[in-house]
Protein backbone atom coordinates (compact mmCIF):
# COMPACT_ATOMS: atom_id res chain seq x y z
CA MET A 1 191.04 -16.66 129.84
CA ALA A 2 188.77 -18.10 132.20
CA ASP A 3 187.51 -21.68 131.50
CA ARG A 4 183.85 -21.64 129.94
CA PRO A 5 181.64 -25.17 130.45
CA ARG A 6 181.56 -27.60 127.89
CA HIS A 7 178.44 -28.26 126.51
CA GLU A 8 177.48 -32.08 125.50
CA SER A 9 174.59 -31.44 122.81
CA GLY A 10 174.53 -32.52 119.61
CA PHE A 11 176.61 -35.08 117.31
CA SER A 12 180.24 -35.10 117.35
CA MET A 13 181.82 -35.55 113.45
CA ILE A 14 182.93 -39.23 113.78
CA GLU A 15 178.97 -39.88 114.18
CA LEU A 16 178.15 -37.81 111.50
CA VAL A 17 180.09 -39.44 109.16
CA ILE A 18 179.47 -42.55 110.34
CA VAL A 19 175.80 -42.05 109.51
CA MET A 20 176.40 -40.62 106.33
CA ILE A 21 178.36 -43.93 105.62
CA VAL A 22 175.74 -46.25 106.28
CA ALA A 23 173.20 -44.05 104.10
CA VAL A 24 175.52 -44.62 101.43
CA ILE A 25 175.45 -48.11 102.07
CA LEU A 26 171.16 -48.23 101.92
CA MET A 27 171.66 -45.86 98.84
CA ALA A 28 174.02 -48.51 97.36
CA ILE A 29 171.71 -51.33 97.87
CA ALA A 30 168.47 -49.66 97.30
CA ILE A 31 169.02 -47.76 93.98
CA PRO A 32 170.01 -50.48 91.99
CA THR A 33 166.69 -52.71 92.91
CA PHE A 34 164.48 -49.35 91.96
CA ARG A 35 166.05 -49.42 88.62
CA SER A 36 166.06 -53.09 88.00
CA GLN A 37 162.21 -52.98 89.23
CA GLN A 38 161.98 -50.13 87.25
CA SER A 39 163.04 -52.06 84.00
CA ILE A 40 160.38 -54.89 85.10
CA GLY A 41 157.48 -52.68 84.91
CA ARG A 42 158.22 -50.87 82.03
CA GLN A 43 158.53 -54.56 80.30
CA HIS A 44 154.88 -55.95 81.56
CA ALA A 45 153.68 -52.16 80.31
CA MET A 46 155.08 -52.87 77.48
CA ARG A 47 153.32 -56.95 76.75
CA SER A 48 150.14 -55.05 77.62
CA ALA A 49 150.48 -52.69 75.17
CA ALA A 50 151.41 -55.35 72.52
CA GLU A 51 148.55 -57.28 73.16
CA LEU A 52 146.38 -54.49 72.82
CA VAL A 53 147.83 -53.80 69.16
CA ALA A 54 147.47 -57.61 68.14
CA GLY A 55 143.96 -57.11 68.92
CA GLY A 56 143.78 -54.48 66.36
CA ILE A 57 146.22 -57.02 64.12
CA SER A 58 144.07 -59.73 64.83
CA ARG A 59 140.66 -57.47 63.76
CA PHE A 60 142.37 -55.76 60.64
CA ASN A 61 143.23 -59.42 59.10
CA GLY A 62 140.01 -60.70 60.21
CA ASP A 63 138.68 -58.04 57.80
CA PHE A 64 141.16 -57.78 54.88
CA PRO A 65 142.91 -61.64 54.57
CA PRO A 66 145.72 -61.58 52.29
CA VAL A 67 145.21 -61.79 48.74
CA ASN A 68 147.43 -64.05 46.77
CA ALA A 69 147.32 -62.14 43.50
CA SER A 70 151.28 -60.68 43.93
CA SER A 71 149.97 -57.31 42.47
CA PHE A 72 147.90 -56.52 45.38
CA GLY A 73 149.95 -57.53 48.16
CA ASP A 74 149.42 -58.30 51.98
CA PRO A 75 147.65 -55.44 53.57
CA LEU A 76 148.98 -56.48 56.73
CA THR A 77 152.81 -56.32 56.02
CA ASN A 78 152.52 -53.97 52.67
CA THR A 79 152.00 -50.50 53.95
CA THR A 80 150.92 -49.35 50.38
CA ARG A 81 148.78 -52.30 50.14
CA ALA A 82 147.02 -50.80 53.26
CA THR A 83 146.36 -47.35 51.85
CA ALA A 84 144.88 -48.01 49.08
CA LEU A 85 142.25 -50.01 50.96
CA ARG A 86 141.76 -47.22 53.17
CA ARG A 87 141.43 -44.81 50.07
CA ASP A 88 138.70 -47.56 48.80
CA ILE A 89 136.78 -47.46 52.05
CA CYS A 90 137.36 -43.37 52.99
CA PRO A 91 137.80 -41.57 49.71
CA VAL A 92 139.90 -38.30 50.36
CA ASN A 93 137.22 -35.92 50.62
CA ASN A 94 135.14 -38.14 53.08
CA SER A 95 133.63 -35.58 55.85
CA ASN A 96 132.97 -39.07 57.95
CA PRO A 97 135.17 -38.39 61.24
CA VAL A 98 135.89 -42.07 61.61
CA CYS A 99 137.73 -41.74 58.49
CA ARG A 100 139.33 -38.99 60.04
CA SER A 101 140.93 -40.78 62.60
CA THR A 102 144.88 -41.59 62.94
CA ASP A 103 144.76 -45.51 62.93
CA ARG A 104 148.29 -46.46 61.94
CA LEU A 105 146.68 -48.06 58.63
CA LEU A 106 145.02 -50.86 61.28
CA PHE A 107 141.13 -49.99 60.44
CA THR A 108 138.01 -52.07 59.67
CA THR A 109 135.79 -52.54 56.89
CA SER A 110 133.67 -49.58 57.82
CA GLY A 111 136.73 -47.34 58.47
CA ALA A 112 137.00 -47.28 62.01
CA PRO A 113 140.09 -47.85 63.39
CA ALA A 114 140.72 -51.23 64.41
CA ILE A 115 142.34 -49.97 67.59
CA THR A 116 140.45 -47.14 69.52
CA SER A 117 143.05 -45.55 71.59
CA TRP A 118 146.39 -45.89 70.30
CA PRO A 119 148.87 -47.39 73.14
CA ASP A 120 151.83 -44.99 74.38
CA SER A 121 155.24 -46.62 74.97
CA PRO A 122 156.77 -47.02 78.21
CA TYR A 123 159.93 -46.01 76.99
CA GLY A 124 158.59 -42.74 75.27
CA GLY A 125 156.28 -41.50 73.13
CA GLU A 126 153.55 -43.40 71.38
CA VAL A 127 154.48 -47.36 70.60
CA THR A 128 155.70 -47.93 67.15
CA LEU A 129 154.31 -50.16 64.47
CA VAL A 130 156.68 -52.12 62.10
CA ARG A 131 155.59 -54.56 59.51
CA GLY A 132 158.35 -56.61 58.78
CA ASN A 133 161.15 -59.09 59.75
CA CYS A 134 159.71 -60.10 63.70
CA ALA A 135 162.95 -61.66 64.44
CA ALA A 136 164.87 -59.06 63.94
CA ALA A 137 166.00 -56.68 67.15
CA SER A 138 163.98 -53.64 66.78
CA PRO A 139 164.24 -49.95 70.03
CA PRO A 140 162.77 -50.45 72.27
CA GLY A 141 158.67 -49.34 72.11
CA THR A 142 158.40 -51.13 69.11
CA VAL A 143 155.66 -53.61 68.01
CA LYS A 144 156.71 -55.77 64.94
CA VAL A 145 153.80 -57.63 62.76
CA CYS A 146 154.69 -60.08 60.46
CA ARG A 147 152.85 -62.85 58.03
CA LEU A 148 153.12 -66.42 58.96
CA GLY A 149 152.22 -68.68 56.60
CA ARG A 150 148.57 -67.84 54.80
CA ASP A 151 146.14 -66.79 57.33
CA GLY A 152 148.62 -66.55 60.25
CA PHE A 153 150.75 -63.62 61.63
CA GLU A 154 153.11 -62.88 64.65
CA VAL A 155 153.36 -59.70 66.85
CA THR A 156 156.81 -59.45 68.91
CA ALA A 157 157.33 -56.50 71.08
CA TRP A 158 160.50 -54.92 72.20
CA GLY A 159 161.94 -53.58 75.20
CA THR A 160 164.86 -53.05 77.37
CA SER A 161 166.73 -55.83 79.97
CA THR A 162 167.40 -54.71 83.43
CA ASN A 163 171.04 -54.42 81.98
CA GLY A 164 169.76 -52.03 79.44
CA SER A 165 170.33 -54.08 76.61
CA THR A 166 167.59 -54.75 73.78
CA ILE A 167 165.37 -57.47 74.47
CA ARG A 168 161.97 -59.24 73.22
CA VAL A 169 159.57 -58.92 75.94
CA TRP A 170 156.58 -60.80 74.15
CA ARG A 171 155.49 -62.68 70.99
CA GLY A 172 152.34 -63.78 69.72
CA VAL A 173 151.56 -66.16 66.85
CA PHE A 174 147.96 -65.87 65.64
CA ALA A 175 147.03 -68.80 63.26
């Protein structure tokens, strides 16, 4: 057999392995940073959604202040009372399109929603509104409202930290 001339084109196996090792090291640095930035972005989006919901809650609270009589309840924190108010404003067979909107029991005295477009949750689906204990942790994407004193209220928003644990990402106190 005759010796064939060797062609020196292409990369050697060692060179390819070194390039792959460098690529893996760069990815190991970049991926956690990217995930951290994603988490921070979701937190900011949740804060924005919570501020929008807080504005609607403020309008609702201005139109329907709490009632002292325990038989009526507080429409802000008591969904039964809010539902009764909604029925008073918009009876069941009302043809007014404003009354047919989905408003999460946050509406104005005319029956119009206090929030015209319910925000999406950066954690999937829509923002969930919970009435009750604002201090207790909630699933990411939840906005909580609770009463502070006679006329004030607190709104909290819940999301995830960069390590994946549930944290409060926003708190607003309104008097």
